[in-house]
Amino acid sequence: QVQLVESGGGLVQPGGSLRLSCAASGFTFSTYAMSWYRQAPGKERELVATITSVGGVFPYADSVKGRFTISRDNGKNTVYLQMNSLKPEDTAMYYCNAKRGWGTPYWGKGILVTVSS
């Protein structure tokens, strides 16, 4: 059974940092590209960052460039999103995504990040 479980979200003040984790199981993690998406209230889901199976990183969304960093540990079947200099507009549900080629992607249930003073 495929599972993607996000953790590390919560409430943080503007300018603060959080590190999201996504633990994967039920598929061959090391062969999948992994992505983080987010969806703010009333907005469409947005691709934030993608990392290839071997650790190559695609360009980040303009809104997070220079502040967020995606990484992965294939030995732990986990992908991370380090978020620094957080802004209120980063408030959203953050979702982990796994995809390989043209196959159906897998999604986590999401985790809430709230940036507020």
Protein backbone atom coordinates (compact mmCIF):
# COMPACT_ATOMS: atom_id res chain seq x y z
CA GLN A 1 0.00 0.00 0.00
CA VAL A 2 1.43 3.32 -1.09
CA GLN A 3 1.72 5.94 1.63
CA LEU A 4 3.09 9.47 1.66
CA VAL A 5 2.96 11.02 5.11
CA GLU A 6 3.83 14.67 5.59
CA SER A 7 5.03 16.09 8.90
CA GLY A 8 6.68 19.21 10.31
CA GLY A 9 3.98 21.76 9.63
CA GLY A 10 2.42 24.14 12.11
CA LEU A 11 2.27 27.77 13.15
CA VAL A 12 5.34 29.96 12.68
CA GLN A 13 5.93 33.70 12.86
CA PRO A 14 6.88 35.69 9.76
CA GLY A 15 10.60 35.38 9.13
CA GLY A 16 10.74 31.98 10.79
CA SER A 17 11.65 28.57 9.43
CA LEU A 18 10.09 25.13 9.16
CA ARG A 19 11.25 21.86 7.68
CA LEU A 20 8.62 19.62 6.15
CA SER A 21 9.23 15.91 5.77
CA CYS A 22 7.43 13.35 3.65
CA ALA A 23 7.96 9.71 4.51
CA ALA A 24 7.21 7.32 1.66
CA SER A 25 6.40 3.62 1.67
CA GLY A 26 4.85 1.01 -0.58
CA PHE A 27 6.80 1.86 -3.74
CA THR A 28 10.40 2.12 -4.92
CA PHE A 29 11.07 5.62 -3.65
CA SER A 30 14.51 5.95 -5.24
CA THR A 31 13.05 5.68 -8.75
CA TYR A 32 10.47 8.46 -8.36
CA ALA A 33 10.72 12.19 -8.77
CA MET A 34 9.33 13.93 -5.71
CA SER A 35 7.58 17.26 -5.52
CA TRP A 36 6.03 19.60 -3.01
CA TYR A 37 2.83 21.41 -3.92
CA ARG A 38 0.81 23.86 -1.89
CA GLN A 39 -2.72 25.18 -1.92
CA ALA A 40 -3.78 28.33 -0.16
CA PRO A 41 -7.44 28.96 0.71
CA GLY A 42 -9.37 29.97 -2.39
CA LYS A 43 -6.42 29.38 -4.70
CA GLU A 44 -5.33 26.65 -7.09
CA ARG A 45 -2.74 24.08 -6.14
CA GLU A 46 0.76 25.36 -6.95
CA LEU A 47 3.92 23.41 -7.69
CA VAL A 48 6.61 24.58 -5.27
CA ALA A 49 9.61 22.36 -5.94
CA THR A 50 10.65 19.11 -7.65
CA ILE A 51 13.65 16.86 -7.14
CA THR A 52 14.55 14.02 -9.49
CA SER A 53 15.17 10.46 -8.39
CA VAL A 54 18.92 11.10 -8.35
CA GLY A 55 18.78 14.49 -6.63
CA GLY A 56 18.61 16.97 -9.45
CA VAL A 57 16.46 19.99 -8.61
CA PHE A 58 14.19 21.76 -11.04
CA PRO A 59 13.74 25.54 -10.80
CA TYR A 60 11.65 26.55 -7.83
CA ALA A 61 8.42 28.48 -8.04
CA ASP A 62 9.26 32.18 -8.27
CA SER A 63 7.35 32.81 -5.07
CA VAL A 64 9.75 30.66 -3.01
CA LYS A 65 13.02 30.98 -4.91
CA GLY A 66 15.95 31.66 -2.59
CA ARG A 67 13.94 30.78 0.52
CA PHE A 68 12.93 27.11 0.11
CA THR A 69 15.15 24.09 -0.49
CA ILE A 70 14.03 20.61 -1.49
CA SER A 71 16.16 17.57 -0.72
CA ARG A 72 15.79 13.83 -0.40
CA ASP A 73 17.33 10.87 1.40
CA ASN A 74 16.79 7.71 -0.62
CA GLY A 75 18.12 5.62 2.26
CA LYS A 76 15.30 6.91 4.47
CA ASN A 77 12.63 7.10 1.74
CA THR A 78 12.04 10.70 2.71
CA VAL A 79 11.85 14.03 0.93
CA TYR A 80 12.24 17.34 2.72
CA LEU A 81 11.31 20.96 2.19
CA GLN A 82 13.34 23.47 4.16
CA MET A 83 11.41 26.73 4.33
CA ASN A 84 13.19 29.87 5.51
CA SER A 85 12.18 33.52 5.73
CA LEU A 86 8.55 32.50 5.79
CA LYS A 87 5.89 35.02 4.82
CA PRO A 88 2.16 35.14 5.57
CA GLU A 89 1.53 34.35 1.90
CA ASP A 90 3.26 30.99 2.40
CA THR A 91 0.28 29.92 4.50
CA ALA A 92 -1.19 26.87 2.78
CA MET A 93 -1.71 23.15 2.85
CA TYR A 94 1.50 21.52 1.63
CA TYR A 95 1.32 18.24 -0.26
CA CYS A 96 3.94 15.67 -1.12
CA ASN A 97 3.81 14.11 -4.60
CA ALA A 98 5.61 11.15 -6.16
CA LYS A 99 5.72 10.55 -9.91
CA ARG A 100 7.62 8.30 -12.29
CA GLY A 101 7.46 8.87 -16.02
CA TRP A 102 3.88 8.91 -17.34
CA GLY A 103 2.53 6.90 -14.42
CA THR A 104 -0.22 7.99 -12.05
CA PRO A 105 1.21 10.21 -9.33
CA TYR A 106 0.86 9.48 -5.64
CA TRP A 107 -0.23 12.16 -3.18
CA GLY A 108 0.03 12.67 0.53
CA LYS A 109 -2.90 13.97 2.55
CA GLY A 110 -1.20 17.29 3.15
CA ILE A 111 -0.06 19.28 6.13
CA LEU A 112 -0.97 22.80 7.18
CA VAL A 113 1.60 25.58 7.41
CA THR A 114 0.41 28.84 8.95
CA VAL A 115 2.62 31.92 8.96
CA SER A 116 1.22 34.52 11.30
CA SER A 117 2.20 36.77 14.15
